[in-house]
Amino acid sequence: MEISPAWEPGGEAVEGLHRWRASLREDMSRTLDDPRWPRALAGVGVVHLLAFLVCQALAEPVSRRDLRYLAIWFVELVCVFGVMRALAGRHWIRRSAAVNLAAKLWTTFLILSFNVVSLNSLVGIENPWFKAVWGTLSTFLFASLAWLFTPLFFIPAVQMWATGMLMAQFDPYAYLIYGVSWSLALFGIAGWIRRAH
């Protein structure tokens, strides 16, 4: 049996990938020149912090299935889209290919985050391991943005890695830790955009 040689991308494929990435970065840079983006991201940070403060207030020493959390996360999602529409403008998600791609990554992150909660609930919610996994998923989201747009996104990626560790170590305060960490990350990104643009 003949083994085919490993496929190696030719010069055209690599060059095309570099052009695509450069075009994506230019598109994001043009989009972020709009002064509404820092306010929108800071607004999302506030919404996220408030939602997780409520979750922390409801937290109990022994986890159990509680539909109030589902309601809180749904309200948070609606509020995030409301804040984005109010502060970033109508059709913000379709304004540029770069923002659309970042929004799709964020949507995938939300689906996976909800999935780990569902899995934890199915196998038994007594040990809430899903909270620390959120730190890993958040790290993946920011690392993906770093590969696509700017290495500066590795800063919140490392921050989220540390957040997951803190959540595992201090589980009774996991919602508070996660909410504060995400808010700081979004405020930091908003500040960077304001300074850079």
Protein backbone atom coordinates (compact mmCIF):
# COMPACT_ATOMS: atom_id res chain seq x y z
CA MET A 1 0.00 0.00 0.00
CA GLU A 2 1.42 3.33 -1.06
CA ILE A 3 1.38 6.13 1.47
CA SER A 4 0.77 9.54 0.00
CA PRO A 5 3.11 12.29 1.13
CA ALA A 6 1.82 14.74 3.69
CA TRP A 7 0.07 17.69 2.16
CA GLU A 8 1.96 20.92 2.52
CA PRO A 9 0.36 24.21 1.65
CA GLY A 10 1.89 25.89 -1.34
CA GLY A 11 3.10 29.44 -1.43
CA GLU A 12 -0.20 30.67 -2.87
CA ALA A 13 -2.23 29.18 -0.01
CA VAL A 14 0.03 30.66 2.66
CA GLU A 15 0.12 34.02 0.91
CA GLY A 16 -3.68 33.98 0.54
CA LEU A 17 -4.08 33.22 4.25
CA HIS A 18 -1.76 36.12 5.15
CA ARG A 19 -3.72 38.45 2.84
CA TRP A 20 -7.02 37.32 4.37
CA ARG A 21 -5.75 37.91 7.90
CA ALA A 22 -4.30 41.32 7.00
CA SER A 23 -7.59 42.29 5.36
CA LEU A 24 -9.51 41.15 8.45
CA ARG A 25 -7.24 43.19 10.73
CA GLU A 26 -7.62 46.29 8.54
CA ASP A 27 -11.39 45.85 8.58
CA MET A 28 -11.40 45.61 12.39
CA SER A 29 -9.13 48.65 12.69
CA ARG A 30 -11.45 50.72 10.46
CA THR A 31 -14.48 49.56 12.42
CA LEU A 32 -12.94 50.43 15.78
CA ASP A 33 -12.34 54.00 14.64
CA ASP A 34 -16.01 54.49 15.51
CA PRO A 35 -16.03 56.06 19.02
CA ARG A 36 -19.16 54.11 19.98
CA TRP A 37 -17.28 50.82 20.44
CA PRO A 38 -15.51 51.58 23.76
CA ARG A 39 -18.81 52.69 25.33
CA ALA A 40 -20.59 49.59 24.01
CA LEU A 41 -17.96 47.20 25.39
CA ALA A 42 -17.92 48.98 28.75
CA GLY A 43 -21.73 48.77 28.81
CA VAL A 44 -21.58 45.02 28.17
CA GLY A 45 -19.03 44.75 31.00
CA VAL A 46 -21.47 46.44 33.39
CA VAL A 47 -24.35 44.18 32.31
CA HIS A 48 -22.18 41.09 32.75
CA LEU A 49 -21.01 42.20 36.20
CA LEU A 50 -24.56 42.91 37.39
CA ALA A 51 -25.81 39.53 36.15
CA PHE A 52 -23.06 37.64 37.94
CA LEU A 53 -23.52 39.66 41.13
CA VAL A 54 -27.13 38.46 41.14
CA CYS A 55 -25.94 34.88 40.51
CA GLN A 56 -23.50 35.22 43.41
CA ALA A 57 -26.27 36.50 45.68
CA LEU A 58 -28.37 33.43 44.82
CA ALA A 59 -25.47 30.98 45.21
CA GLU A 60 -25.90 28.30 47.85
CA PRO A 61 -23.29 26.06 49.53
CA VAL A 62 -24.81 22.97 47.87
CA SER A 63 -25.61 23.46 44.19
CA ARG A 64 -29.00 22.46 42.86
CA ARG A 65 -30.98 22.87 39.69
CA ASP A 66 -32.39 26.38 39.78
CA LEU A 67 -34.34 27.91 36.89
CA ARG A 68 -33.63 31.39 38.22
CA TYR A 69 -30.09 31.14 36.79
CA LEU A 70 -31.49 30.33 33.37
CA ALA A 71 -33.76 33.37 33.62
CA ILE A 72 -30.83 35.58 34.69
CA TRP A 73 -28.66 34.43 31.78
CA PHE A 74 -31.51 34.96 29.32
CA VAL A 75 -32.13 38.48 30.65
CA GLU A 76 -28.39 39.17 30.50
CA LEU A 77 -28.24 38.06 26.84
CA VAL A 78 -31.19 40.29 25.95
CA CYS A 79 -29.59 43.21 27.82
CA VAL A 80 -26.24 42.67 26.07
CA PHE A 81 -27.91 42.86 22.65
CA GLY A 82 -29.91 45.89 23.83
CA VAL A 83 -26.76 47.66 25.04
CA MET A 84 -24.93 46.85 21.81
CA ARG A 85 -27.78 48.18 19.70
CA ALA A 86 -28.15 51.32 21.82
CA LEU A 87 -24.42 52.11 22.14
CA ALA A 88 -22.83 50.57 19.02
CA GLY A 89 -25.74 51.35 16.70
CA ARG A 90 -28.26 49.38 14.70
CA HIS A 91 -26.92 46.48 12.66
CA TRP A 92 -23.63 46.57 14.59
CA ILE A 93 -23.15 42.85 14.00
CA ARG A 94 -23.31 43.23 10.21
CA ARG A 95 -21.32 46.42 9.92
CA SER A 96 -18.03 44.68 9.15
CA ALA A 97 -16.75 41.19 8.40
CA ALA A 98 -14.33 41.37 11.32
CA VAL A 99 -17.01 42.24 13.88
CA ASN A 100 -19.27 39.57 12.40
CA LEU A 101 -16.53 36.95 12.83
CA ALA A 102 -15.83 38.07 16.43
CA ALA A 103 -19.58 37.89 17.16
CA LYS A 104 -19.74 34.36 15.73
CA LEU A 105 -16.85 33.29 17.98
CA TRP A 106 -18.64 34.87 20.96
CA THR A 107 -21.87 33.05 20.02
CA THR A 108 -19.96 29.75 19.86
CA PHE A 109 -18.49 30.55 23.28
CA LEU A 110 -21.99 31.12 24.70
CA ILE A 111 -23.27 27.84 23.24
CA LEU A 112 -20.33 25.90 24.73
CA SER A 113 -20.72 27.67 28.09
CA PHE A 114 -24.38 26.69 28.23
CA ASN A 115 -23.46 23.17 27.12
CA VAL A 116 -21.08 22.57 30.05
CA VAL A 117 -23.75 23.75 32.50
CA SER A 118 -26.23 21.34 30.90
CA LEU A 119 -23.73 18.46 31.05
CA ASN A 120 -22.95 19.21 34.70
CA SER A 121 -26.67 19.20 35.44
CA LEU A 122 -27.16 15.86 33.66
CA VAL A 123 -24.33 14.06 35.48
CA GLY A 124 -25.18 15.64 38.84
CA ILE A 125 -25.05 19.28 39.87
CA GLU A 126 -23.76 18.60 43.40
CA ASN A 127 -20.19 19.29 42.20
CA PRO A 128 -20.44 22.43 40.02
CA TRP A 129 -17.34 21.90 37.85
CA PHE A 130 -18.85 23.94 35.01
CA LYS A 131 -17.85 27.23 36.63
CA ALA A 132 -14.10 26.65 36.32
CA VAL A 133 -14.59 25.37 32.75
CA TRP A 134 -15.97 28.80 31.88
CA GLY A 135 -12.46 30.14 32.55
CA THR A 136 -11.03 27.69 29.99
CA LEU A 137 -13.67 28.57 27.39
CA SER A 138 -13.03 32.29 27.97
CA THR A 139 -9.29 31.70 27.50
CA PHE A 140 -10.02 29.95 24.20
CA LEU A 141 -12.22 32.84 23.02
CA PHE A 142 -9.60 35.51 23.74
CA ALA A 143 -6.74 33.39 22.37
CA SER A 144 -8.71 32.92 19.14
CA LEU A 145 -9.19 36.69 18.89
CA ALA A 146 -5.44 37.12 19.51
CA TRP A 147 -4.54 34.82 16.59
CA LEU A 148 -6.97 36.63 14.32
CA PHE A 149 -6.56 40.29 15.27
CA THR A 150 -3.81 41.28 17.71
CA PRO A 151 -1.54 39.51 20.22
CA LEU A 152 -2.84 41.96 22.85
CA PHE A 153 -5.84 39.64 23.27
CA PHE A 154 -3.45 37.18 24.92
CA ILE A 155 -3.54 39.47 27.99
CA PRO A 156 -7.22 38.75 28.75
CA ALA A 157 -6.64 35.13 27.65
CA VAL A 158 -4.05 34.67 30.41
CA GLN A 159 -6.30 36.61 32.79
CA MET A 160 -9.15 34.17 32.09
CA TRP A 161 -6.83 31.19 32.62
CA ALA A 162 -6.00 32.60 36.07
CA THR A 163 -9.71 33.32 36.62
CA GLY A 164 -10.55 29.65 36.07
CA MET A 165 -7.91 28.67 38.62
CA LEU A 166 -9.32 31.14 41.15
CA MET A 167 -12.85 29.90 40.53
CA ALA A 168 -11.75 26.30 41.18
CA GLN A 169 -9.90 27.33 44.34
CA PHE A 170 -12.62 29.60 45.73
CA ASP A 171 -15.77 27.93 44.42
CA PRO A 172 -18.20 29.68 46.83
CA TYR A 173 -17.23 32.99 45.15
CA ALA A 174 -16.93 31.67 41.58
CA TYR A 175 -19.74 33.79 40.12
CA LEU A 176 -18.29 36.96 41.65
CA ILE A 177 -14.76 36.14 40.45
CA TYR A 178 -15.96 35.40 36.92
CA GLY A 179 -18.16 38.49 36.67
CA VAL A 180 -15.43 40.82 37.94
CA SER A 181 -12.80 39.26 35.67
CA TRP A 182 -14.92 39.52 32.52
CA SER A 183 -15.85 43.11 33.36
CA LEU A 184 -12.18 44.05 33.86
CA ALA A 185 -11.31 42.39 30.54
CA LEU A 186 -14.03 44.30 28.68
CA PHE A 187 -13.12 47.60 30.38
CA GLY A 188 -9.48 46.97 29.48
CA ILE A 189 -10.32 46.31 25.83
CA ALA A 190 -12.56 49.39 25.74
CA GLY A 191 -9.72 51.50 27.19
CA TRP A 192 -7.24 50.10 24.66
CA ILE A 193 -9.60 50.90 21.77
CA ARG A 194 -10.13 54.44 23.07
CA ARG A 195 -6.37 55.06 23.30
CA ALA A 196 -5.53 53.40 19.97
CA HIS A 197 -8.30 55.00 17.94
